[in-house]
Amino acid sequence: MAAARKVSAIIFDLDNTLIDTRNADYFAFKQVKHVLRSQYAEVDADDVVAAFKKYLAEAEKDPNEVIPVDEWRTELWQRALNSHHPKDAAMLLYRTWMSGRLDHMTFSPEVKELLLRLRKTYKLLLMTNGPSGIQRLKMARCGADDYFTGIIVSGEQPHPKPNVSIFETAFQMLGVPAERCIMVGDCLSTDIQGGLDANCLATVWIDPKRQNKEIFFPSPNYSISSVMDIDKVLDDINASAATSQ
């Protein structure tokens, strides 16, 4: 009789999987624009925010890993202001942006209930890419330690997702082999590719647009519009395991 392949552990991404980071950014940038319009009316608030977004997308942290993340991102705000203002202005914008983001980076009551229920049956691990200090602030805001067996931040590891090494660290932390773990996340190039390369039992793509997963590469095993739909995936995988016995 073939051994049943069923889920023992779930590895979750954080941003735009368990917390709505895009929504947090929207409100944070809205607060920044308010500060700009009320205290620095001589600049175009929309242009400054657009410039910062561009610089952040190009390099969210110092590529040489010499300048601390807070200082680096303050410098990005300074560049967005075109250096027409003292650094105090850039520091104010950075603090406004960071506090605005963190204010909205919490687990919703529904997500909290989901995680509490899932951990009664499965081991849960949180794996997120990003600078350690920034990601740890987000997780502290969420109270993530209360829900997960383990937490892994790429900034504290040799390599980020999708590198197989970070997944191997997760499997060791969970005490569960890859073939009994599923990876859940919103990013095809990191969450899904990493889960596939690490030979996870299944990969689950969070796609609010509900696009045809077959046309994307890498192609996830499952696609759901929200993490709240994860039970459907678990039921399908575990049902398949039961029928294979």
Protein backbone atom coordinates (compact mmCIF):
# COMPACT_ATOMS: atom_id res chain seq x y z
CA MET A 1 0.00 0.00 0.00
CA ALA A 2 1.43 3.37 -1.02
CA ALA A 3 2.01 5.83 1.77
CA ALA A 4 -0.50 8.66 1.82
CA ARG A 5 0.91 12.02 0.79
CA LYS A 6 -0.86 14.45 3.04
CA VAL A 7 -0.12 17.88 4.44
CA SER A 8 1.68 18.09 7.76
CA ALA A 9 2.92 21.69 7.55
CA ILE A 10 2.07 24.95 5.81
CA ILE A 11 4.67 27.59 4.95
CA PHE A 12 3.12 31.04 4.57
CA ASP A 13 4.50 34.17 2.95
CA LEU A 14 3.69 37.40 4.82
CA ASP A 15 3.22 40.42 2.54
CA ASN A 16 0.05 40.37 0.44
CA THR A 17 -0.60 36.84 1.65
CA LEU A 18 -1.44 37.20 5.34
CA ILE A 19 -1.35 41.01 5.51
CA ASP A 20 -2.55 43.50 2.91
CA THR A 21 0.73 45.30 2.29
CA ARG A 22 -0.54 47.07 -0.83
CA ASN A 23 -3.38 48.58 1.17
CA ALA A 24 -0.98 49.59 3.95
CA ASP A 25 1.24 51.31 1.39
CA TYR A 26 -1.76 53.15 -0.05
CA PHE A 27 -2.66 54.67 3.31
CA ALA A 28 0.97 55.37 4.21
CA PHE A 29 1.62 57.28 0.99
CA LYS A 30 -1.65 59.14 1.50
CA GLN A 31 -0.33 60.33 4.88
CA VAL A 32 2.99 61.33 3.33
CA LYS A 33 1.21 63.40 0.70
CA HIS A 34 -0.75 65.15 3.44
CA VAL A 35 2.50 66.07 5.19
CA LEU A 36 4.02 67.31 1.94
CA ARG A 37 1.01 69.45 1.07
CA SER A 38 0.71 70.93 4.54
CA GLN A 39 4.41 71.54 5.29
CA TYR A 40 6.19 71.57 1.92
CA ALA A 41 3.65 73.06 -0.44
CA GLU A 42 6.35 74.22 -2.83
CA VAL A 43 6.90 70.64 -4.05
CA ASP A 44 4.46 68.42 -5.93
CA ALA A 45 3.42 65.71 -3.48
CA ASP A 46 2.46 63.25 -6.20
CA ASP A 47 5.81 63.67 -7.95
CA VAL A 48 7.78 63.17 -4.73
CA VAL A 49 5.90 59.98 -3.84
CA ALA A 50 6.21 58.66 -7.39
CA ALA A 51 9.96 59.29 -7.34
CA PHE A 52 10.36 57.51 -4.01
CA LYS A 53 8.41 54.49 -5.28
CA LYS A 54 10.71 54.35 -8.30
CA TYR A 55 13.87 54.52 -6.21
CA LEU A 56 12.53 51.94 -3.75
CA ALA A 57 11.67 49.53 -6.56
CA GLU A 58 15.19 49.90 -7.93
CA ALA A 59 16.89 49.19 -4.60
CA GLU A 60 14.90 48.72 -1.40
CA LYS A 61 18.15 48.42 0.56
CA ASP A 62 21.82 49.23 0.07
CA PRO A 63 23.13 46.77 -2.57
CA ASN A 64 26.46 46.75 -0.75
CA GLU A 65 24.73 46.13 2.59
CA VAL A 66 26.75 48.85 4.28
CA ILE A 67 24.11 51.52 4.93
CA PRO A 68 21.35 50.52 7.41
CA VAL A 69 17.90 50.12 5.88
CA ASP A 70 16.37 53.06 7.78
CA GLU A 71 19.15 55.37 6.64
CA TRP A 72 19.02 54.05 3.07
CA ARG A 73 15.29 54.65 2.73
CA THR A 74 15.59 58.08 4.31
CA GLU A 75 18.14 58.86 1.59
CA LEU A 76 15.62 57.71 -1.01
CA TRP A 77 13.14 60.25 0.33
CA GLN A 78 15.90 62.87 0.19
CA ARG A 79 16.50 62.03 -3.47
CA ALA A 80 12.77 62.16 -4.15
CA LEU A 81 12.75 65.70 -2.74
CA ASN A 82 15.55 66.55 -5.20
CA SER A 83 17.72 67.59 -2.24
CA HIS A 84 15.92 70.94 -2.05
CA HIS A 85 15.18 70.41 1.64
CA PRO A 86 17.24 69.59 4.73
CA LYS A 87 17.54 65.97 5.79
CA ASP A 88 15.04 66.63 8.56
CA ALA A 89 12.35 66.75 5.88
CA ALA A 90 13.37 63.37 4.49
CA MET A 91 13.45 61.91 8.00
CA LEU A 92 9.93 63.18 8.65
CA LEU A 93 8.65 61.64 5.42
CA TYR A 94 10.34 58.33 6.21
CA ARG A 95 8.88 58.20 9.73
CA THR A 96 5.43 59.13 8.42
CA TRP A 97 5.61 56.45 5.76
CA MET A 98 6.86 53.76 8.14
CA SER A 99 4.35 54.47 10.89
CA GLY A 100 1.54 54.67 8.34
CA ARG A 101 2.47 51.28 6.95
CA LEU A 102 2.78 49.61 10.33
CA ASP A 103 -0.57 50.99 11.46
CA HIS A 104 -2.23 48.90 8.73
CA MET A 105 0.02 45.84 8.87
CA THR A 106 -1.97 43.63 11.18
CA PHE A 107 -3.66 40.28 10.82
CA SER A 108 -7.37 40.73 10.25
CA PRO A 109 -9.69 38.99 12.74
CA GLU A 110 -10.49 36.47 10.00
CA VAL A 111 -6.83 35.65 9.39
CA LYS A 112 -6.19 35.30 13.12
CA GLU A 113 -9.08 32.86 13.42
CA LEU A 114 -7.84 30.93 10.38
CA LEU A 115 -4.31 30.57 11.75
CA LEU A 116 -5.50 29.52 15.19
CA ARG A 117 -7.69 26.84 13.63
CA LEU A 118 -5.06 25.59 11.19
CA ARG A 119 -2.36 25.23 13.83
CA LYS A 120 -4.52 22.68 15.64
CA THR A 121 -3.94 20.32 12.71
CA TYR A 122 -0.81 21.56 10.94
CA LYS A 123 2.56 23.01 11.82
CA LEU A 124 2.71 26.59 10.55
CA LEU A 125 5.81 28.51 9.50
CA LEU A 126 6.14 32.10 8.33
CA MET A 127 8.78 32.78 5.68
CA THR A 128 9.31 36.29 4.36
CA ASN A 129 11.82 38.02 2.12
CA GLY A 130 13.18 41.39 3.14
CA PRO A 131 15.51 43.23 5.52
CA SER A 132 15.45 41.75 9.01
CA GLY A 133 14.65 44.97 10.88
CA ILE A 134 11.75 45.96 8.64
CA GLN A 135 10.17 42.50 8.50
CA ARG A 136 10.55 41.93 12.22
CA LEU A 137 8.72 45.21 12.89
CA LYS A 138 5.84 44.02 10.72
CA MET A 139 5.68 40.67 12.47
CA ALA A 140 5.78 42.26 15.91
CA ARG A 141 2.86 44.45 14.85
CA CYS A 142 0.97 41.31 13.77
CA GLY A 143 1.85 39.34 16.88
CA ALA A 144 3.14 36.62 14.54
CA ASP A 145 4.96 34.72 17.30
CA ASP A 146 1.57 33.67 18.68
CA TYR A 147 0.63 31.71 15.56
CA PHE A 148 3.70 30.02 14.09
CA THR A 149 6.00 27.14 14.96
CA GLY A 150 8.82 29.05 13.30
CA ILE A 151 9.59 32.33 11.55
CA ILE A 152 12.25 32.83 8.88
CA VAL A 153 13.33 36.21 7.50
CA SER A 154 15.54 36.18 4.41
CA GLY A 155 17.63 39.05 5.78
CA GLU A 156 18.83 36.65 8.48
CA GLN A 157 19.62 33.83 6.03
CA PRO A 158 22.38 33.32 3.45
CA HIS A 159 19.89 33.49 0.58
CA PRO A 160 16.26 34.67 0.09
CA LYS A 161 13.38 32.85 -1.58
CA PRO A 162 13.40 31.17 -4.09
CA ASN A 163 16.76 29.69 -3.07
CA VAL A 164 16.31 26.10 -1.95
CA SER A 165 18.53 26.63 1.11
CA ILE A 166 15.98 28.83 2.88
CA PHE A 167 13.32 26.16 2.33
CA GLU A 168 15.63 23.47 3.68
CA THR A 169 16.02 25.60 6.80
CA ALA A 170 12.22 25.72 7.05
CA PHE A 171 11.87 21.94 6.74
CA GLN A 172 14.47 21.45 9.47
CA MET A 173 12.77 23.97 11.74
CA LEU A 174 9.41 22.28 11.23
CA GLY A 175 10.78 18.75 11.50
CA VAL A 176 8.74 17.91 8.41
CA PRO A 177 10.01 16.74 4.99
CA ALA A 178 9.36 18.78 1.85
CA GLU A 179 6.87 16.25 0.49
CA ARG A 180 4.56 16.94 3.42
CA CYS A 181 4.76 20.75 3.26
CA ILE A 182 2.86 23.21 1.09
CA MET A 183 4.01 26.75 0.23
CA VAL A 184 1.45 29.56 0.15
CA GLY A 185 2.31 32.98 -1.27
CA ASP A 186 1.48 35.73 -3.73
CA CYS A 187 4.74 35.89 -5.70
CA LEU A 188 5.35 33.47 -8.55
CA SER A 189 9.07 34.18 -8.81
CA THR A 190 9.87 33.68 -5.12
CA ASP A 191 7.12 31.77 -3.28
CA ILE A 192 5.97 29.47 -6.06
CA GLN A 193 9.32 28.97 -7.79
CA GLY A 194 10.97 28.31 -4.46
CA GLY A 195 8.32 25.83 -3.38
CA LEU A 196 8.63 23.96 -6.67
CA ASP A 197 12.43 23.90 -6.59
CA ALA A 198 12.37 22.65 -3.00
CA ASN A 199 9.96 19.82 -3.95
CA CYS A 200 7.14 20.90 -1.67
CA LEU A 201 4.04 18.73 -1.80
CA ALA A 202 2.15 21.64 -3.39
CA THR A 203 2.43 25.34 -4.13
CA VAL A 204 -0.53 27.68 -3.64
CA TRP A 205 -0.61 31.05 -5.41
CA ILE A 206 -2.61 33.89 -3.86
CA ASP A 207 -4.06 35.72 -6.88
CA PRO A 208 -6.93 38.15 -6.15
CA LYS A 209 -7.51 38.55 -9.90
CA ARG A 210 -8.18 34.80 -10.30
CA GLN A 211 -6.21 34.55 -13.54
CA ASN A 212 -5.67 31.28 -15.39
CA LYS A 213 -2.69 29.80 -13.55
CA GLU A 214 -1.82 27.60 -16.53
CA ILE A 215 -0.61 30.58 -18.57
CA PHE A 216 1.96 31.65 -15.98
CA PHE A 217 5.47 30.43 -15.32
CA PRO A 218 6.20 28.99 -12.96
CA SER A 219 2.78 27.37 -12.83
CA PRO A 220 1.52 26.82 -9.27
CA ASN A 221 -0.29 23.65 -8.30
CA TYR A 222 -3.21 25.67 -6.95
CA SER A 223 -4.49 29.22 -7.24
CA ILE A 224 -6.88 30.93 -4.82
CA SER A 225 -8.06 34.52 -4.56
CA SER A 226 -7.45 34.82 -0.82
CA VAL A 227 -5.68 32.94 1.93
CA MET A 228 -9.13 32.46 3.42
CA ASP A 229 -9.75 29.87 0.70
CA ILE A 230 -6.87 27.64 1.81
CA ASP A 231 -9.22 25.03 3.29
CA LYS A 232 -10.38 24.09 -0.22
CA VAL A 233 -6.80 23.28 -1.20
CA LEU A 234 -6.11 21.32 1.98
CA ASP A 235 -9.30 19.31 1.54
CA ASP A 236 -8.35 18.48 -2.05
CA ILE A 237 -4.80 17.40 -1.20
CA ASN A 238 -5.81 15.36 1.82
CA ALA A 239 -8.70 13.74 -0.06
CA SER A 240 -6.27 12.71 -2.80
CA ALA A 241 -3.98 11.23 -0.18
CA ALA A 242 -6.82 9.24 1.35
CA THR A 243 -7.91 7.73 -1.97
CA SER A 244 -4.33 6.70 -2.78
CA GLN A 245 -4.15 4.39 0.23
